PDB file of N, CA and C in Angstrom:
ATOM      1  N   MET A   1     -86.238 -57.926 -23.510  1.00  0.00           N
ATOM      2  CA  MET A   1     -87.408 -57.335 -22.851  1.00  0.00           C
ATOM      3  C   MET A   1     -88.379 -58.428 -22.460  1.00  0.00           C
ATOM      4  N   VAL A   2     -88.809 -58.433 -21.203  1.00  0.00           N
ATOM      5  CA  VAL A   2     -89.824 -59.405 -20.712  1.00  0.00           C
ATOM      6  C   VAL A   2     -91.148 -58.773 -21.005  1.00  0.00           C
ATOM      7  N   LYS A   3     -92.029 -59.546 -21.717  1.00  0.00           N
ATOM      8  CA  LYS A   3     -93.374 -59.146 -22.052  1.00  0.00           C
ATOM      9  C   LYS A   3     -94.428 -59.815 -21.147  1.00  0.00           C
ATOM     10  N   ASN A   4     -95.442 -59.059 -20.820  1.00  0.00           N
ATOM     11  CA  ASN A   4     -96.519 -59.656 -20.013  1.00  0.00           C
ATOM     12  C   ASN A   4     -97.638 -60.075 -20.977  1.00  0.00           C
ATOM     13  N   SER A   5     -98.695 -60.636 -20.385  1.00  0.00           N
ATOM     14  CA  SER A   5     -99.738 -61.234 -21.209  1.00  0.00           C
ATOM     15  C   SER A   5    -100.466 -60.144 -21.960  1.00  0.00           C
ATOM     16  N   VAL A   6    -100.602 -58.970 -21.455  1.00  0.00           N
ATOM     17  CA  VAL A   6    -101.309 -57.851 -22.139  1.00  0.00           C
ATOM     18  C   VAL A   6    -100.542 -57.516 -23.447  1.00  0.00           C
ATOM     19  N   GLN A   7     -99.273 -57.367 -23.359  1.00  0.00           N
ATOM     20  CA  GLN A   7     -98.465 -57.073 -24.483  1.00  0.00           C
ATOM     21  C   GLN A   7     -98.540 -58.179 -25.561  1.00  0.00           C
ATOM     22  N   HIS A   8     -98.545 -59.416 -25.105  1.00  0.00           N
ATOM     23  CA  HIS A   8     -98.658 -60.546 -26.088  1.00  0.00           C
ATOM     24  C   HIS A   8    -100.062 -60.453 -26.798  1.00  0.00           C
ATOM     25  N   ARG A   9    -101.068 -60.183 -26.018  1.00  0.00           N
ATOM     26  CA  ARG A   9    -102.408 -60.083 -26.610  1.00  0.00           C
ATOM     27  C   ARG A   9    -102.565 -58.983 -27.599  1.00  0.00           C
ATOM     28  N   ILE A  10    -101.930 -57.787 -27.342  1.00  0.00           N
ATOM     29  CA  ILE A  10    -101.891 -56.658 -28.228  1.00  0.00           C
ATOM     30  C   ILE A  10    -101.174 -57.006 -29.523  1.00  0.00           C
ATOM     31  N   GLU A  11    -100.042 -57.783 -29.401  1.00  0.00           N
ATOM     32  CA  GLU A  11     -99.266 -58.157 -30.580  1.00  0.00           C
ATOM     33  C   GLU A  11    -100.061 -59.133 -31.469  1.00  0.00           C
ATOM     34  N   ARG A  12    -100.809 -60.064 -30.835  1.00  0.00           N
ATOM     35  CA  ARG A  12    -101.620 -60.989 -31.562  1.00  0.00           C
ATOM     36  C   ARG A  12    -102.677 -60.216 -32.321  1.00  0.00           C
ATOM     37  N   ALA A  13    -103.367 -59.285 -31.663  1.00  0.00           N
ATOM     38  CA  ALA A  13    -104.413 -58.501 -32.332  1.00  0.00           C
ATOM     39  C   ALA A  13    -103.895 -57.748 -33.514  1.00  0.00           C
ATOM     40  N   LYS A  14    -102.689 -57.142 -33.372  1.00  0.00           N
ATOM     41  CA  LYS A  14    -102.039 -56.406 -34.505  1.00  0.00           C
ATOM     42  C   LYS A  14    -101.740 -57.292 -35.663  1.00  0.00           C
ATOM     43  N   ARG A  15    -101.310 -58.484 -35.402  1.00  0.00           N
ATOM     44  CA  ARG A  15    -100.954 -59.470 -36.472  1.00  0.00           C
ATOM     45  C   ARG A  15    -102.261 -59.795 -37.302  1.00  0.00           C
ATOM     46  N   VAL A  16    -103.346 -59.970 -36.542  1.00  0.00           N
ATOM     47  CA  VAL A  16    -104.637 -60.305 -37.254  1.00  0.00           C
ATOM     48  C   VAL A  16    -105.137 -59.041 -37.992  1.00  0.00           C
ATOM     49  N   ARG A  17    -105.011 -57.895 -37.412  1.00  0.00           N
ATOM     50  CA  ARG A  17    -105.625 -56.651 -37.901  1.00  0.00           C
ATOM     51  C   ARG A  17    -104.809 -56.195 -39.186  1.00  0.00           C
ATOM     52  N   MET A  18    -103.524 -56.544 -39.272  1.00  0.00           N
ATOM     53  CA  MET A  18    -102.703 -56.091 -40.461  1.00  0.00           C
ATOM     54  C   MET A  18    -103.214 -56.823 -41.739  1.00  0.00           C
ATOM     55  N   LYS A  19    -103.831 -58.020 -41.559  1.00  0.00           N
ATOM     56  CA  LYS A  19    -104.168 -58.779 -42.715  1.00  0.00           C
ATOM     57  C   LYS A  19    -105.579 -58.539 -43.167  1.00  0.00           C
ATOM     58  N   ILE A  20    -106.399 -57.886 -42.431  1.00  0.00           N
ATOM     59  CA  ILE A  20    -107.838 -57.672 -42.794  1.00  0.00           C
ATOM     60  C   ILE A  20    -108.227 -56.213 -42.788  1.00  0.00           C
ATOM     61  N   SER A  21    -109.260 -55.902 -43.555  1.00  0.00           N
ATOM     62  CA  SER A  21    -109.755 -54.562 -43.666  1.00  0.00           C
ATOM     63  C   SER A  21    -111.213 -54.655 -44.175  1.00  0.00           C
ATOM     64  N   GLY A  22    -112.116 -53.893 -43.615  1.00  0.00           N
ATOM     65  CA  GLY A  22    -113.486 -53.855 -44.004  1.00  0.00           C
ATOM     66  C   GLY A  22    -113.719 -52.759 -45.028  1.00  0.00           C
ATOM     67  N   THR A  23    -114.756 -52.922 -45.837  1.00  0.00           N
ATOM     68  CA  THR A  23    -115.196 -51.935 -46.900  1.00  0.00           C
ATOM     69  C   THR A  23    -116.639 -51.682 -46.639  1.00  0.00           C
ATOM     70  N   LYS A  24    -117.140 -50.716 -47.540  1.00  0.00           N
ATOM     71  CA  LYS A  24    -118.496 -50.409 -47.422  1.00  0.00           C
ATOM     72  C   LYS A  24    -119.363 -51.576 -47.878  1.00  0.00           C
ATOM     73  N   ILE A  25    -118.951 -52.419 -48.760  1.00  0.00           N
ATOM     74  CA  ILE A  25    -119.703 -53.544 -49.265  1.00  0.00           C
ATOM     75  C   ILE A  25    -119.567 -54.751 -48.292  1.00  0.00           C
ATOM     76  N   ARG A  26    -118.295 -54.914 -47.821  1.00  0.00           N
ATOM     77  CA  ARG A  26    -118.072 -56.112 -46.980  1.00  0.00           C
ATOM     78  C   ARG A  26    -117.302 -55.548 -45.680  1.00  0.00           C
ATOM     79  N   PRO A  27    -118.099 -55.189 -44.642  1.00  0.00           N
ATOM     80  CA  PRO A  27    -117.522 -54.580 -43.477  1.00  0.00           C
ATOM     81  C   PRO A  27    -116.738 -55.618 -42.580  1.00  0.00           C
ATOM     82  N   ARG A  28    -115.873 -55.075 -41.712  1.00  0.00           N
ATOM     83  CA  ARG A  28    -115.163 -55.941 -40.740  1.00  0.00           C
ATOM     84  C   ARG A  28    -115.992 -56.099 -39.542  1.00  0.00           C
ATOM     85  N   LEU A  29    -116.295 -57.325 -39.201  1.00  0.00           N
ATOM     86  CA  LEU A  29    -117.061 -57.641 -37.970  1.00  0.00           C
ATOM     87  C   LEU A  29    -116.140 -57.959 -36.841  1.00  0.00           C
ATOM     88  N   VAL A  30    -116.092 -57.114 -35.852  1.00  0.00           N
ATOM     89  CA  VAL A  30    -115.146 -57.299 -34.723  1.00  0.00           C
ATOM     90  C   VAL A  30    -115.917 -57.889 -33.597  1.00  0.00           C
ATOM     91  N   LEU A  31    -115.341 -58.980 -33.023  1.00  0.00           N
ATOM     92  CA  LEU A  31    -115.897 -59.604 -31.806  1.00  0.00           C
ATOM     93  C   LEU A  31    -114.953 -59.318 -30.673  1.00  0.00           C
ATOM     94  N   ARG A  32    -115.503 -58.654 -29.671  1.00  0.00           N
ATOM     95  CA  ARG A  32    -114.717 -58.284 -28.395  1.00  0.00           C
ATOM     96  C   ARG A  32    -115.223 -59.005 -27.264  1.00  0.00           C
ATOM     97  N   ARG A  33    -114.361 -59.669 -26.520  1.00  0.00           N
ATOM     98  CA  ARG A  33    -114.639 -60.388 -25.310  1.00  0.00           C
ATOM     99  C   ARG A  33    -114.179 -59.667 -24.122  1.00  0.00           C
ATOM    100  N   SER A  34    -115.038 -59.326 -23.190  1.00  0.00           N
ATOM    101  CA  SER A  34    -114.637 -58.660 -21.912  1.00  0.00           C
ATOM    102  C   SER A  34    -114.782 -59.745 -20.844  1.00  0.00           C
ATOM    103  N   GLY A  35    -114.481 -59.358 -19.658  1.00  0.00           N
ATOM    104  CA  GLY A  35    -114.658 -60.351 -18.539  1.00  0.00           C
ATOM    105  C   GLY A  35    -116.100 -60.722 -18.251  1.00  0.00           C
ATOM    106  N   TYR A  36    -117.059 -59.905 -18.714  1.00  0.00           N
ATOM    107  CA  TYR A  36    -118.462 -60.080 -18.367  1.00  0.00           C
ATOM    108  C   TYR A  36    -119.345 -60.332 -19.629  1.00  0.00           C
ATOM    109  N   THR A  37    -119.047 -59.799 -20.755  1.00  0.00           N
ATOM    110  CA  THR A  37    -119.957 -59.892 -21.877  1.00  0.00           C
ATOM    111  C   THR A  37    -119.155 -59.928 -23.211  1.00  0.00           C
ATOM    112  N   LEU A  38    -119.977 -59.985 -24.242  1.00  0.00           N
ATOM    113  CA  LEU A  38    -119.447 -60.049 -25.623  1.00  0.00           C
ATOM    114  C   LEU A  38    -119.959 -58.848 -26.329  1.00  0.00           C
ATOM    115  N   TYR A  39    -119.187 -58.307 -27.248  1.00  0.00           N
ATOM    116  CA  TYR A  39    -119.573 -57.081 -28.121  1.00  0.00           C
ATOM    117  C   TYR A  39    -119.304 -57.482 -29.562  1.00  0.00           C
ATOM    118  N   ALA A  40    -120.218 -57.078 -30.454  1.00  0.00           N
ATOM    119  CA  ALA A  40    -119.959 -57.283 -31.907  1.00  0.00           C
ATOM    120  C   ALA A  40    -120.172 -55.851 -32.534  1.00  0.00           C
ATOM    121  N   GLN A  41    -119.237 -55.528 -33.450  1.00  0.00           N
ATOM    122  CA  GLN A  41    -119.328 -54.284 -34.188  1.00  0.00           C
ATOM    123  C   GLN A  41    -119.001 -54.564 -35.657  1.00  0.00           C
ATOM    124  N   ALA A  42    -119.788 -53.938 -36.518  1.00  0.00           N
ATOM    125  CA  ALA A  42    -119.455 -53.994 -37.965  1.00  0.00           C
ATOM    126  C   ALA A  42    -118.937 -52.587 -38.340  1.00  0.00           C
ATOM    127  N   VAL A  43    -117.675 -52.634 -38.909  1.00  0.00           N
ATOM    128  CA  VAL A  43    -116.920 -51.343 -39.146  1.00  0.00           C
ATOM    129  C   VAL A  43    -116.596 -51.264 -40.623  1.00  0.00           C
ATOM    130  N   ASP A  44    -116.807 -50.065 -41.123  1.00  0.00           N
ATOM    131  CA  ASP A  44    -116.334 -49.670 -42.505  1.00  0.00           C
ATOM    132  C   ASP A  44    -115.010 -48.986 -42.331  1.00  0.00           C
ATOM    133  N   ASP A  45    -113.896 -49.673 -42.654  1.00  0.00           N
ATOM    134  CA  ASP A  45    -112.567 -49.095 -42.455  1.00  0.00           C
ATOM    135  C   ASP A  45    -112.178 -47.981 -43.431  1.00  0.00           C
ATOM    136  N   ASP A  46    -112.871 -47.926 -44.519  1.00  0.00           N
ATOM    137  CA  ASP A  46    -112.648 -46.858 -45.495  1.00  0.00           C
ATOM    138  C   ASP A  46    -112.988 -45.505 -44.943  1.00  0.00           C
ATOM    139  N   THR A  47    -114.110 -45.467 -44.295  1.00  0.00           N
ATOM    140  CA  THR A  47    -114.594 -44.194 -43.681  1.00  0.00           C
ATOM    141  C   THR A  47    -114.402 -44.117 -42.215  1.00  0.00           C
ATOM    142  N   GLY A  48    -114.156 -45.258 -41.536  1.00  0.00           N
ATOM    143  CA  GLY A  48    -113.900 -45.265 -40.088  1.00  0.00           C
ATOM    144  C   GLY A  48    -115.174 -45.222 -39.306  1.00  0.00           C
ATOM    145  N   GLN A  49    -116.286 -45.638 -39.895  1.00  0.00           N
ATOM    146  CA  GLN A  49    -117.575 -45.570 -39.182  1.00  0.00           C
ATOM    147  C   GLN A  49    -118.032 -46.913 -38.740  1.00  0.00           C
ATOM    148  N   VAL A  50    -118.690 -47.004 -37.603  1.00  0.00           N
ATOM    149  CA  VAL A  50    -119.289 -48.220 -37.073  1.00  0.00           C
ATOM    150  C   VAL A  50    -120.693 -48.272 -37.719  1.00  0.00           C
ATOM    151  N   ILE A  51    -120.923 -49.349 -38.467  1.00  0.00           N
ATOM    152  CA  ILE A  51    -122.201 -49.600 -39.093  1.00  0.00           C
ATOM    153  C   ILE A  51    -123.303 -50.116 -38.144  1.00  0.00           C
ATOM    154  N   MET A  52    -122.851 -51.095 -37.275  1.00  0.00           N
ATOM    155  CA  MET A  52    -123.731 -51.791 -36.400  1.00  0.00           C
ATOM    156  C   MET A  52    -122.962 -52.127 -35.140  1.00  0.00           C
ATOM    157  N   GLY A  53    -123.620 -52.093 -33.951  1.00  0.00           N
ATOM    158  CA  GLY A  53    -123.028 -52.475 -32.728  1.00  0.00           C
ATOM    159  C   GLY A  53    -124.056 -53.229 -31.813  1.00  0.00           C
ATOM    160  N   LEU A  54    -123.666 -54.388 -31.326  1.00  0.00           N
ATOM    161  CA  LEU A  54    -124.565 -55.178 -30.440  1.00  0.00           C
ATOM    162  C   LEU A  54    -123.825 -55.660 -29.267  1.00  0.00           C
ATOM    163  N   THR A  55    -124.549 -55.841 -28.154  1.00  0.00           N
ATOM    164  CA  THR A  55    -123.940 -56.391 -26.957  1.00  0.00           C
ATOM    165  C   THR A  55    -124.633 -57.662 -26.553  1.00  0.00           C
ATOM    166  N   GLY A  56    -123.828 -58.669 -26.088  1.00  0.00           N
ATOM    167  CA  GLY A  56    -124.346 -59.946 -25.675  1.00  0.00           C
ATOM    168  C   GLY A  56    -124.864 -59.876 -24.222  1.00  0.00           C
ATOM    169  N   LYS A  57    -125.433 -61.022 -23.761  1.00  0.00           N
ATOM    170  CA  LYS A  57    -125.880 -61.112 -22.384  1.00  0.00           C
ATOM    171  C   LYS A  57    -125.139 -62.170 -21.631  1.00  0.00           C
ATOM    172  N   GLY A  58    -123.809 -62.113 -21.676  1.00  0.00           N
ATOM    173  CA  GLY A  58    -122.963 -63.167 -21.025  1.00  0.00           C
ATOM    174  C   GLY A  58    -121.777 -63.411 -21.843  1.00  0.00           C
ATOM    175  N   LYS A  59    -120.894 -64.347 -21.452  1.00  0.00           N
ATOM    176  CA  LYS A  59    -119.744 -64.570 -22.151  1.00  0.00           C
ATOM    177  C   LYS A  59    -119.504 -66.050 -22.485  1.00  0.00           C
ATOM    178  N   ASN A  60    -120.454 -66.901 -22.336  1.00  0.00           N
ATOM    179  CA  ASN A  60    -120.280 -68.353 -22.681  1.00  0.00           C
ATOM    180  C   ASN A  60    -120.787 -68.591 -24.109  1.00  0.00           C
ATOM    181  N   THR A  61    -120.696 -69.878 -24.561  1.00  0.00           N
ATOM    182  CA  THR A  61    -120.997 -70.209 -25.940  1.00  0.00           C
ATOM    183  C   THR A  61    -122.444 -69.956 -26.259  1.00  0.00           C
ATOM    184  N   GLU A  62    -123.333 -70.223 -25.329  1.00  0.00           N
ATOM    185  CA  GLU A  62    -124.777 -69.950 -25.612  1.00  0.00           C
ATOM    186  C   GLU A  62    -125.004 -68.481 -25.896  1.00  0.00           C
ATOM    187  N   ALA A  63    -124.367 -67.616 -25.142  1.00  0.00           N
ATOM    188  CA  ALA A  63    -124.535 -66.172 -25.328  1.00  0.00           C
ATOM    189  C   ALA A  63    -123.887 -65.736 -26.670  1.00  0.00           C
ATOM    190  N   ALA A  64    -122.803 -66.431 -27.090  1.00  0.00           N
ATOM    191  CA  ALA A  64    -122.108 -66.160 -28.361  1.00  0.00           C
ATOM    192  C   ALA A  64    -123.052 -66.573 -29.547  1.00  0.00           C
ATOM    193  N   LYS A  65    -123.722 -67.707 -29.401  1.00  0.00           N
ATOM    194  CA  LYS A  65    -124.644 -68.140 -30.422  1.00  0.00           C
ATOM    195  C   LYS A  65    -125.799 -67.154 -30.644  1.00  0.00           C
ATOM    196  N   GLU A  66    -126.352 -66.679 -29.468  1.00  0.00           N
ATOM    197  CA  GLU A  66    -127.451 -65.728 -29.438  1.00  0.00           C
ATOM    198  C   GLU A  66    -127.054 -64.449 -30.117  1.00  0.00           C
ATOM    199  N   LEU A  67    -125.811 -63.934 -29.751  1.00  0.00           N
ATOM    200  CA  LEU A  67    -125.300 -62.702 -30.288  1.00  0.00           C
ATOM    201  C   LEU A  67    -125.007 -62.821 -31.742  1.00  0.00           C
ATOM    202  N   GLY A  68    -124.508 -64.059 -32.227  1.00  0.00           N
ATOM    203  CA  GLY A  68    -124.229 -64.304 -33.624  1.00  0.00           C
ATOM    204  C   GLY A  68    -125.516 -64.254 -34.362  1.00  0.00           C
ATOM    205  N   ALA A  69    -126.554 -64.838 -33.894  1.00  0.00           N
ATOM    206  CA  ALA A  69    -127.867 -64.838 -34.585  1.00  0.00           C
ATOM    207  C   ALA A  69    -128.454 -63.474 -34.703  1.00  0.00           C
ATOM    208  N   ARG A  70    -128.372 -62.693 -33.584  1.00  0.00           N
ATOM    209  CA  ARG A  70    -128.865 -61.300 -33.691  1.00  0.00           C
ATOM    210  C   ARG A  70    -128.002 -60.472 -34.604  1.00  0.00           C
ATOM    211  N   SER A  71    -126.697 -60.636 -34.690  1.00  0.00           N
ATOM    212  CA  SER A  71    -125.847 -59.928 -35.624  1.00  0.00           C
ATOM    213  C   SER A  71    -126.139 -60.298 -36.996  1.00  0.00           C
ATOM    214  N   ALA A  72    -126.425 -61.551 -37.288  1.00  0.00           N
ATOM    215  CA  ALA A  72    -126.677 -61.976 -38.695  1.00  0.00           C
ATOM    216  C   ALA A  72    -128.050 -61.376 -39.079  1.00  0.00           C
ATOM    217  N   LYS A  73    -128.985 -61.250 -38.246  1.00  0.00           N
ATOM    218  CA  LYS A  73    -130.314 -60.639 -38.530  1.00  0.00           C
ATOM    219  C   LYS A  73    -130.111 -59.128 -38.818  1.00  0.00           C
ATOM    220  N   ALA A  74    -129.333 -58.458 -37.958  1.00  0.00           N
ATOM    221  CA  ALA A  74    -129.101 -57.027 -38.092  1.00  0.00           C
ATOM    222  C   ALA A  74    -128.305 -56.765 -39.438  1.00  0.00           C
ATOM    223  N   LEU A  75    -127.307 -57.589 -39.778  1.00  0.00           N
ATOM    224  CA  LEU A  75    -126.546 -57.383 -40.980  1.00  0.00           C
ATOM    225  C   LEU A  75    -127.412 -57.658 -42.224  1.00  0.00           C
ATOM    226  N   ALA A  76    -128.247 -58.726 -42.146  1.00  0.00           N
ATOM    227  CA  ALA A  76    -129.132 -59.042 -43.280  1.00  0.00           C
ATOM    228  C   ALA A  76    -130.117 -57.879 -43.454  1.00  0.00           C
ATOM    229  N   GLY A  77    -130.551 -57.247 -42.409  1.00  0.00           N
ATOM    230  CA  GLY A  77    -131.492 -56.112 -42.471  1.00  0.00           C
ATOM    231  C   GLY A  77    -130.875 -54.979 -43.107  1.00  0.00           C
ATOM    232  N   ARG A  78    -129.547 -54.831 -43.087  1.00  0.00           N
ATOM    233  CA  ARG A  78    -128.809 -53.751 -43.753  1.00  0.00           C
ATOM    234  C   ARG A  78    -128.223 -54.148 -45.091  1.00  0.00           C
ATOM    235  N   LYS A  79    -128.724 -55.292 -45.619  1.00  0.00           N
ATOM    236  CA  LYS A  79    -128.404 -55.850 -46.940  1.00  0.00           C
ATOM    237  C   LYS A  79    -126.962 -56.311 -47.110  1.00  0.00           C
ATOM    238  N   PHE A  80    -126.310 -56.744 -46.001  1.00  0.00           N
ATOM    239  CA  PHE A  80    -125.004 -57.288 -46.126  1.00  0.00           C
ATOM    240  C   PHE A  80    -125.098 -58.789 -46.204  1.00  0.00           C
ATOM    241  N   LYS A  81    -124.287 -59.442 -47.133  1.00  0.00           N
ATOM    242  CA  LYS A  81    -124.319 -60.826 -47.277  1.00  0.00           C
ATOM    243  C   LYS A  81    -123.046 -61.535 -46.811  1.00  0.00           C
ATOM    244  N   SER A  82    -121.919 -60.722 -46.713  1.00  0.00           N
ATOM    245  CA  SER A  82    -120.658 -61.323 -46.219  1.00  0.00           C
ATOM    246  C   SER A  82    -119.968 -60.186 -45.416  1.00  0.00           C
ATOM    247  N   VAL A  83    -119.099 -60.657 -44.518  1.00  0.00           N
ATOM    248  CA  VAL A  83    -118.276 -59.770 -43.676  1.00  0.00           C
ATOM    249  C   VAL A  83    -116.833 -60.383 -43.625  1.00  0.00           C
ATOM    250  N   VAL A  84    -115.976 -59.443 -43.198  1.00  0.00           N
ATOM    251  CA  VAL A  84    -114.605 -59.931 -42.824  1.00  0.00           C
ATOM    252  C   VAL A  84    -114.531 -60.064 -41.302  1.00  0.00           C
ATOM    253  N   PHE A  85    -114.348 -61.248 -40.820  1.00  0.00           N
ATOM    254  CA  PHE A  85    -114.341 -61.551 -39.437  1.00  0.00           C
ATOM    255  C   PHE A  85    -113.042 -61.176 -38.766  1.00  0.00           C
ATOM    256  N   ASP A  86    -113.076 -60.349 -37.765  1.00  0.00           N
ATOM    257  CA  ASP A  86    -111.984 -59.899 -36.939  1.00  0.00           C
ATOM    258  C   ASP A  86    -112.095 -60.490 -35.583  1.00  0.00           C
ATOM    259  N   ARG A  87    -111.292 -61.563 -35.327  1.00  0.00           N
ATOM    260  CA  ARG A  87    -111.350 -62.237 -33.974  1.00  0.00           C
ATOM    261  C   ARG A  87    -110.478 -61.589 -32.968  1.00  0.00           C
ATOM    262  N   GLY A  88    -109.711 -60.520 -33.419  1.00  0.00           N
ATOM    263  CA  GLY A  88    -108.846 -59.872 -32.465  1.00  0.00           C
ATOM    264  C   GLY A  88    -107.667 -60.792 -31.983  1.00  0.00           C
ATOM    265  N   SER A  89    -107.436 -60.818 -30.775  1.00  0.00           N
ATOM    266  CA  SER A  89    -106.333 -61.607 -30.200  1.00  0.00           C
ATOM    267  C   SER A  89    -106.897 -62.999 -29.773  1.00  0.00           C
ATOM    268  N   ASN A  90    -108.125 -63.325 -30.039  1.00  0.00           N
ATOM    269  CA  ASN A  90    -108.641 -64.548 -29.537  1.00  0.00           C
ATOM    270  C   ASN A  90    -108.488 -65.672 -30.540  1.00  0.00           C
ATOM    271  N   LYS A  91    -108.351 -66.872 -30.009  1.00  0.00           N
ATOM    272  CA  LYS A  91    -108.252 -68.073 -30.847  1.00  0.00           C
ATOM    273  C   LYS A  91    -109.575 -68.385 -31.455  1.00  0.00           C
ATOM    274  N   TYR A  92    -109.543 -69.002 -32.596  1.00  0.00           N
ATOM    275  CA  TYR A  92    -110.804 -69.420 -33.218  1.00  0.00           C
ATOM    276  C   TYR A  92    -111.278 -70.742 -32.586  1.00  0.00           C
ATOM    277  N   HIS A  93    -111.847 -70.652 -31.404  1.00  0.00           N
ATOM    278  CA  HIS A  93    -112.206 -71.765 -30.660  1.00  0.00           C
ATOM    279  C   HIS A  93    -113.228 -71.354 -29.571  1.00  0.00           C
ATOM    280  N   GLY A  94    -114.191 -72.252 -29.283  1.00  0.00           N
ATOM    281  CA  GLY A  94    -115.045 -71.942 -28.210  1.00  0.00           C
ATOM    282  C   GLY A  94    -116.111 -70.872 -28.532  1.00  0.00           C
ATOM    283  N   VAL A  95    -116.030 -69.792 -27.791  1.00  0.00           N
ATOM    284  CA  VAL A  95    -116.976 -68.650 -27.951  1.00  0.00           C
ATOM    285  C   VAL A  95    -116.803 -68.020 -29.336  1.00  0.00           C
ATOM    286  N   VAL A  96    -115.649 -67.824 -29.796  1.00  0.00           N
ATOM    287  CA  VAL A  96    -115.397 -67.252 -31.078  1.00  0.00           C
ATOM    288  C   VAL A  96    -115.985 -68.090 -32.218  1.00  0.00           C
ATOM    289  N   LYS A  97    -115.754 -69.409 -32.168  1.00  0.00           N
ATOM    290  CA  LYS A  97    -116.233 -70.344 -33.119  1.00  0.00           C
ATOM    291  C   LYS A  97    -117.738 -70.401 -33.080  1.00  0.00           C
ATOM    292  N   ALA A  98    -118.413 -70.432 -31.869  1.00  0.00           N
ATOM    293  CA  ALA A  98    -119.815 -70.457 -31.745  1.00  0.00           C
ATOM    294  C   ALA A  98    -120.449 -69.213 -32.384  1.00  0.00           C
ATOM    295  N   PHE A  99    -119.797 -68.017 -32.175  1.00  0.00           N
ATOM    296  CA  PHE A  99    -120.298 -66.826 -32.792  1.00  0.00           C
ATOM    297  C   PHE A  99    -120.281 -66.902 -34.336  1.00  0.00           C
ATOM    298  N   ALA A 100    -119.129 -67.301 -34.846  1.00  0.00           N
ATOM    299  CA  ALA A 100    -119.044 -67.357 -36.297  1.00  0.00           C
ATOM    300  C   ALA A 100    -119.976 -68.400 -36.948  1.00  0.00           C
ATOM    301  N   ASP A 101    -120.171 -69.499 -36.295  1.00  0.00           N
ATOM    302  CA  ASP A 101    -121.131 -70.580 -36.763  1.00  0.00           C
ATOM    303  C   ASP A 101    -122.530 -70.032 -36.758  1.00  0.00           C
ATOM    304  N   ALA A 102    -122.902 -69.241 -35.794  1.00  0.00           N
ATOM    305  CA  ALA A 102    -124.242 -68.673 -35.670  1.00  0.00           C
ATOM    306  C   ALA A 102    -124.447 -67.629 -36.836  1.00  0.00           C
ATOM    307  N   LEU A 103    -123.341 -66.952 -37.141  1.00  0.00           N
ATOM    308  CA  LEU A 103    -123.423 -66.015 -38.253  1.00  0.00           C
ATOM    309  C   LEU A 103    -123.705 -66.728 -39.580  1.00  0.00           C
ATOM    310  N   ARG A 104    -122.952 -67.815 -39.739  1.00  0.00           N
ATOM    311  CA  ARG A 104    -123.172 -68.608 -40.968  1.00  0.00           C
ATOM    312  C   ARG A 104    -124.546 -69.217 -41.045  1.00  0.00           C
ATOM    313  N   GLU A 105    -125.071 -69.740 -39.985  1.00  0.00           N
ATOM    314  CA  GLU A 105    -126.402 -70.218 -39.885  1.00  0.00           C
ATOM    315  C   GLU A 105    -127.474 -69.131 -40.241  1.00  0.00           C
ATOM    316  N   GLY A 106    -127.131 -67.901 -39.870  1.00  0.00           N
ATOM    317  CA  GLY A 106    -128.020 -66.813 -40.197  1.00  0.00           C
ATOM    318  C   GLY A 106    -127.951 -66.274 -41.641  1.00  0.00           C
ATOM    319  N   GLY A 107    -127.041 -66.907 -42.444  1.00  0.00           N
ATOM    320  CA  GLY A 107    -127.013 -66.536 -43.876  1.00  0.00           C
ATOM    321  C   GLY A 107    -125.858 -65.503 -44.165  1.00  0.00           C
ATOM    322  N   ILE A 108    -124.992 -65.223 -43.190  1.00  0.00           N
ATOM    323  CA  ILE A 108    -123.848 -64.252 -43.456  1.00  0.00           C
ATOM    324  C   ILE A 108    -122.594 -65.115 -43.819  1.00  0.00           C
ATOM    325  N   LYS A 109    -121.962 -64.797 -44.917  1.00  0.00           N
ATOM    326  CA  LYS A 109    -120.764 -65.408 -45.309  1.00  0.00           C
ATOM    327  C   LYS A 109    -119.593 -64.819 -44.503  1.00  0.00           C
ATOM    328  N   VAL A 110    -118.854 -65.685 -43.720  1.00  0.00           N
ATOM    329  CA  VAL A 110    -117.722 -65.235 -42.890  1.00  0.00           C
ATOM    330  C   VAL A 110    -116.498 -65.667 -43.508  1.00  0.00           C
TER     331      VAL A 110
END
């Protein structure tokens, strides 16, 4: 069976997702990249609830750093000290790395 890029992306996301899970104490922080912007959500997988959701203002590394800093501030305001980072189907490089580094600078253990 010939697979296209969308099917490969879905398989990569499933491989990452099978290994991680968020809890009430340590939620899963999902980074979603669209063609225009970045989205970050903190999810409690035990109850299936979204704890926090933020949207970035672009899709470059500067926007990722700004979204990471805002996410760290929002998570610290809700008394979270660490999260499980869900990069989805994205490589840990560029925008994803900038986002995670900004979280660490904000005091959140990734």
